[in-house]
Amino acid sequence: MAGIGGIFVAVVVSMVLEGSSPTAILLLPALFLVFVGTFGAAMAGGLVRDLPTVARHAKKALLGKPADGQQAVETIVAMADQARRQGLLALEEMVKDVEDPLLRQGIELTVDGTDPEQIQDILEARIVAKRADDKIGIKFFGDMGGYAPTLGIIGTVIGLIHVLGNLSSPEQLGHLIAGAFVATLWGVLSANAMWLPMSNKLKRMSEFEVAQMEMVLEGVLAVQSGTNPRLVEQKLRSILPAAPRKGDAGVAAEAA
């Protein structure tokens, strides 16, 4: 939100410094054509049932923050320690307080005595489904970023047609020509200030979240196999994306 807001602030300030009024680009026909037309073009390449997913991803792109994987690491290490001390069945109570759905499912399968290969297949299937769901939003906003400039050019052509139809009124030509190029401005601006950044944000968050899910998968398999908790913590912190390394020295000293 701050990045997108910064772009529009830069546009407004630059217009003011040039001696122009920011309200000059607030033309309803151009805004309607670019935004509604761009959305329609993107929807033409998708499915109606994708709309709820797109709305969810739009909110995520603007306001979403990736979950803190450190909490998952601490939970998994505690479960590994509990499992080594009291057995896997002792995790049945602990799993009730787990918020991460993937971790909860993995531990529940572990407590039920599911084979490690089956646990891995089930959790990997959820990771694949997560990637497929994320691609819907990434593609949709990426498509909007591609269509918006073209719709802007169409709006400019429509405006120029209107200009040519009013050549008998020279006093209006300057205003009409300026208005014709507003659509191109909004097409390029919306693509580079909103749709493409939103697509890139979703792509980055998807990579981060999938990496955390893969870390959880490794943790569940480690708990199921009875791996030493200190080794579990070292391994998970080493693969956790963007994980701070504080405490690693202490963990290493304990393991030694």
Protein backbone atom coordinates (compact mmCIF):
# COMPACT_ATOMS: atom_id res chain seq x y z
CA MET A 1 0.00 0.00 0.00
CA ALA A 2 2.83 2.40 0.83
CA GLY A 3 4.57 1.67 -2.46
CA ILE A 4 1.43 2.20 -4.54
CA GLY A 5 0.59 5.34 -2.59
CA GLY A 6 4.11 6.63 -3.15
CA ILE A 7 3.73 6.28 -6.92
CA PHE A 8 0.50 8.29 -6.99
CA VAL A 9 1.98 10.92 -4.69
CA ALA A 10 4.92 11.25 -7.08
CA VAL A 11 2.53 11.70 -10.02
CA VAL A 12 0.45 14.34 -8.22
CA VAL A 13 3.50 16.25 -6.99
CA SER A 14 5.09 16.20 -10.44
CA MET A 15 1.91 17.59 -11.98
CA VAL A 16 1.76 20.38 -9.41
CA LEU A 17 5.41 21.24 -9.99
CA GLU A 18 4.71 21.43 -13.72
CA GLY A 19 1.93 23.89 -13.01
CA SER A 20 -0.86 21.48 -13.92
CA SER A 21 -3.86 20.46 -11.86
CA PRO A 22 -4.12 16.81 -10.72
CA THR A 23 -7.86 16.96 -11.39
CA ALA A 24 -7.04 17.22 -15.12
CA ILE A 25 -6.50 13.44 -15.29
CA LEU A 26 -9.71 12.57 -13.43
CA LEU A 27 -11.82 12.03 -16.53
CA LEU A 28 -14.61 9.51 -16.00
CA PRO A 29 -14.71 8.13 -19.58
CA ALA A 30 -10.99 7.34 -19.52
CA LEU A 31 -11.13 5.82 -16.03
CA PHE A 32 -14.15 3.71 -16.91
CA LEU A 33 -12.63 2.38 -20.14
CA VAL A 34 -9.24 1.55 -18.64
CA PHE A 35 -10.31 -0.02 -15.34
CA VAL A 36 -13.51 -1.77 -16.41
CA GLY A 37 -12.06 -2.78 -19.77
CA THR A 38 -8.87 -4.13 -18.19
CA PHE A 39 -10.82 -6.16 -15.65
CA GLY A 40 -13.06 -7.53 -18.39
CA ALA A 41 -10.10 -8.51 -20.56
CA ALA A 42 -8.46 -10.33 -17.64
CA MET A 43 -11.71 -12.09 -16.79
CA ALA A 44 -12.08 -13.19 -20.43
CA GLY A 45 -8.91 -15.21 -19.96
CA GLY A 46 -10.12 -16.86 -16.73
CA LEU A 47 -13.16 -18.46 -15.15
CA VAL A 48 -16.08 -16.95 -13.28
CA ARG A 49 -15.38 -19.26 -10.37
CA ASP A 50 -11.95 -17.60 -10.05
CA LEU A 51 -13.54 -14.32 -8.92
CA PRO A 52 -13.63 -15.13 -5.17
CA THR A 53 -10.01 -16.26 -5.37
CA VAL A 54 -9.02 -13.08 -7.21
CA ALA A 55 -10.76 -10.93 -4.59
CA ARG A 56 -8.96 -12.80 -1.81
CA HIS A 57 -5.61 -12.38 -3.54
CA ALA A 58 -6.24 -8.67 -4.14
CA LYS A 59 -6.67 -8.16 -0.41
CA LYS A 60 -3.61 -10.29 0.25
CA ALA A 61 -1.49 -8.31 -2.23
CA LEU A 62 -2.44 -5.00 -0.61
CA LEU A 63 -2.62 -5.92 3.06
CA GLY A 64 -1.26 -9.43 3.52
CA LYS A 65 1.86 -10.33 5.46
CA PRO A 66 3.59 -13.73 5.42
CA ALA A 67 3.28 -15.80 8.57
CA ASP A 68 6.18 -15.94 10.99
CA GLY A 69 7.84 -19.30 10.48
CA GLN A 70 9.77 -18.96 13.75
CA GLN A 71 6.67 -19.92 15.71
CA ALA A 72 6.25 -23.06 13.62
CA VAL A 73 9.88 -24.00 14.24
CA GLU A 74 9.48 -23.63 17.99
CA THR A 75 6.28 -25.72 17.94
CA ILE A 76 7.87 -28.48 15.89
CA VAL A 77 10.94 -28.62 18.14
CA ALA A 78 8.72 -28.85 21.22
CA MET A 79 6.78 -31.68 19.59
CA ALA A 80 9.98 -33.49 18.64
CA ASP A 81 11.15 -33.29 22.25
CA GLN A 82 7.77 -34.49 23.55
CA ALA A 83 7.68 -37.37 21.08
CA ARG A 84 11.15 -38.58 22.08
CA ARG A 85 10.30 -38.42 25.78
CA GLN A 86 6.74 -39.82 25.83
CA GLY A 87 6.05 -41.21 22.37
CA LEU A 88 4.02 -39.95 19.41
CA LEU A 89 0.68 -40.43 21.15
CA ALA A 90 1.68 -37.69 23.60
CA LEU A 91 1.32 -35.18 20.75
CA GLU A 92 -2.45 -35.68 20.60
CA GLU A 93 -3.04 -32.93 23.17
CA MET A 94 -0.40 -30.57 21.80
CA VAL A 95 -1.84 -30.64 18.28
CA LYS A 96 -5.09 -29.10 19.48
CA ASP A 97 -3.35 -25.76 20.03
CA VAL A 98 -1.57 -25.69 16.66
CA GLU A 99 -2.81 -22.92 14.35
CA ASP A 100 -0.87 -23.88 11.21
CA PRO A 101 -3.28 -26.15 9.25
CA LEU A 102 -0.50 -28.02 7.45
CA LEU A 103 1.39 -28.72 10.67
CA ARG A 104 -1.80 -29.75 12.44
CA GLN A 105 -2.72 -32.20 9.69
CA GLY A 106 0.79 -33.62 9.55
CA ILE A 107 0.97 -34.23 13.30
CA GLU A 108 -2.54 -35.72 13.34
CA LEU A 109 -1.50 -38.16 10.62
CA THR A 110 1.64 -38.94 12.60
CA VAL A 111 -0.33 -39.63 15.79
CA ASP A 112 -2.68 -41.90 13.81
CA GLY A 113 0.29 -44.03 12.78
CA THR A 114 0.27 -43.11 9.08
CA ASP A 115 3.30 -44.25 7.09
CA PRO A 116 5.92 -41.54 6.47
CA GLU A 117 5.57 -41.97 2.69
CA GLN A 118 1.83 -41.38 2.89
CA ILE A 119 2.28 -38.35 5.14
CA GLN A 120 4.76 -36.90 2.67
CA ASP A 121 2.44 -37.52 -0.29
CA ILE A 122 -0.55 -35.89 1.46
CA LEU A 123 1.35 -32.81 2.59
CA GLU A 124 3.09 -32.42 -0.76
CA ALA A 125 -0.33 -32.54 -2.44
CA ARG A 126 -1.41 -29.59 -0.25
CA ILE A 127 1.70 -27.69 -1.24
CA VAL A 128 0.96 -28.31 -4.93
CA ALA A 129 -2.61 -27.10 -4.39
CA LYS A 130 -1.26 -23.98 -2.67
CA ARG A 131 0.95 -23.20 -5.67
CA ALA A 132 -1.98 -23.68 -8.07
CA ASP A 133 -4.21 -21.38 -6.00
CA ASP A 134 -1.54 -18.68 -5.87
CA LYS A 135 -1.03 -18.81 -9.63
CA ILE A 136 -4.62 -17.67 -10.17
CA GLY A 137 -4.02 -14.29 -8.52
CA ILE A 138 -0.50 -13.93 -9.92
CA LYS A 139 -1.71 -14.54 -13.48
CA PHE A 140 -4.83 -12.39 -13.16
CA PHE A 141 -3.04 -9.24 -12.02
CA GLY A 142 -0.16 -9.91 -14.40
CA ASP A 143 -2.69 -10.08 -17.25
CA MET A 144 -4.27 -6.82 -16.09
CA GLY A 145 -0.82 -5.23 -16.19
CA GLY A 146 -0.48 -6.35 -19.80
CA TYR A 147 -3.95 -5.29 -20.95
CA ALA A 148 -4.15 -1.88 -19.24
CA PRO A 149 -1.73 0.03 -21.54
CA THR A 150 -3.47 -1.37 -24.62
CA LEU A 151 -6.87 -0.31 -23.30
CA GLY A 152 -5.36 3.11 -22.64
CA ILE A 153 -4.28 3.38 -26.28
CA ILE A 154 -7.77 2.38 -27.40
CA GLY A 155 -9.15 5.17 -25.22
CA THR A 156 -6.73 7.64 -26.80
CA VAL A 157 -7.79 6.58 -30.29
CA ILE A 158 -11.43 7.06 -29.32
CA GLY A 159 -10.57 10.51 -28.01
CA LEU A 160 -8.72 11.45 -31.19
CA ILE A 161 -11.68 10.35 -33.26
CA HIS A 162 -13.75 12.76 -31.19
CA VAL A 163 -11.13 15.47 -31.82
CA LEU A 164 -11.29 14.97 -35.58
CA GLY A 165 -15.03 15.29 -35.42
CA ASN A 166 -14.70 18.75 -33.87
CA LEU A 167 -12.15 20.38 -36.19
CA SER A 168 -14.68 23.10 -36.87
CA SER A 169 -14.20 24.29 -33.27
CA PRO A 170 -10.47 25.16 -33.01
CA GLU A 171 -10.89 26.69 -29.58
CA GLN A 172 -11.77 23.23 -28.16
CA LEU A 173 -9.04 21.21 -29.85
CA GLY A 174 -6.40 21.72 -27.16
CA HIS A 175 -8.70 20.54 -24.41
CA LEU A 176 -9.96 17.58 -26.43
CA ILE A 177 -6.47 16.43 -27.44
CA ALA A 178 -5.26 16.64 -23.84
CA GLY A 179 -8.26 14.63 -22.70
CA ALA A 180 -7.62 12.00 -25.36
CA PHE A 181 -4.21 11.16 -23.89
CA VAL A 182 -5.55 10.77 -20.36
CA ALA A 183 -6.63 7.20 -21.16
CA THR A 184 -3.08 6.26 -22.18
CA LEU A 185 -1.79 7.81 -18.98
CA TRP A 186 -4.16 5.76 -16.83
CA GLY A 187 -3.42 2.59 -18.80
CA VAL A 188 0.33 2.85 -18.28
CA LEU A 189 0.01 4.21 -14.74
CA SER A 190 -2.39 1.53 -13.50
CA ALA A 191 -0.28 -1.25 -15.04
CA ASN A 192 3.00 -0.10 -13.51
CA ALA A 193 1.68 1.34 -10.25
CA MET A 194 -0.92 -1.30 -9.35
CA TRP A 195 -1.39 -4.47 -11.37
CA LEU A 196 2.21 -5.53 -12.03
CA PRO A 197 3.41 -4.70 -8.49
CA MET A 198 0.46 -6.62 -7.05
CA SER A 199 1.29 -9.63 -9.23
CA ASN A 200 4.94 -9.49 -8.15
CA LYS A 201 3.95 -9.15 -4.49
CA LEU A 202 1.76 -12.25 -4.74
CA LYS A 203 4.55 -14.15 -6.46
CA ARG A 204 7.02 -13.26 -3.70
CA MET A 205 4.58 -14.12 -0.93
CA SER A 206 3.77 -17.43 -2.62
CA GLU A 207 7.46 -18.34 -2.77
CA PHE A 208 7.88 -17.45 0.90
CA GLU A 209 4.77 -19.35 2.06
CA VAL A 210 5.54 -22.43 -0.01
CA ALA A 211 9.06 -22.48 1.43
CA GLN A 212 7.56 -22.39 4.93
CA MET A 213 5.19 -25.23 4.05
CA GLU A 214 8.12 -27.30 2.81
CA MET A 215 9.90 -26.53 6.07
CA VAL A 216 6.85 -27.75 8.01
CA LEU A 217 6.82 -30.94 5.93
CA GLU A 218 10.45 -31.60 6.84
CA GLY A 219 9.64 -30.92 10.48
CA VAL A 220 6.70 -33.33 10.56
CA LEU A 221 8.79 -36.11 9.02
CA ALA A 222 11.55 -35.40 11.54
CA VAL A 223 9.10 -35.65 14.45
CA GLN A 224 7.69 -38.88 13.04
CA SER A 225 11.17 -40.40 12.72
CA GLY A 226 12.18 -39.42 16.27
CA THR A 227 15.04 -37.11 15.29
CA ASN A 228 16.93 -35.31 18.05
CA PRO A 229 15.09 -32.01 18.77
CA ARG A 230 18.29 -29.97 18.62
CA LEU A 231 19.09 -31.37 15.19
CA VAL A 232 15.50 -30.70 14.11
CA GLU A 233 15.82 -27.07 15.14
CA GLN A 234 19.12 -26.64 13.33
CA LYS A 235 17.73 -28.15 10.14
CA LEU A 236 14.49 -26.15 10.14
CA ARG A 237 16.18 -22.84 10.89
CA SER A 238 18.64 -23.46 8.07
CA ILE A 239 15.85 -23.88 5.50
CA LEU A 240 13.42 -21.32 6.91
CA PRO A 241 13.19 -18.44 4.40
CA ALA A 242 14.55 -15.13 5.66
CA ALA A 243 15.02 -16.63 9.12
CA PRO A 244 17.09 -14.64 11.60
CA ARG A 245 20.09 -16.58 12.75
CA LYS A 246 19.98 -15.49 16.36
CA GLY A 247 20.29 -18.40 18.70
CA ASP A 248 21.95 -20.64 16.15
CA ALA A 249 25.27 -20.49 17.99
CA GLY A 250 23.57 -21.55 21.20
CA VAL A 251 21.78 -24.38 19.48
CA ALA A 252 25.00 -25.56 17.90
CA ALA A 253 26.76 -25.50 21.28
CA GLU A 254 24.00 -27.57 22.84
CA ALA A 255 24.10 -30.09 20.02
CA ALA A 256 27.87 -30.41 20.44
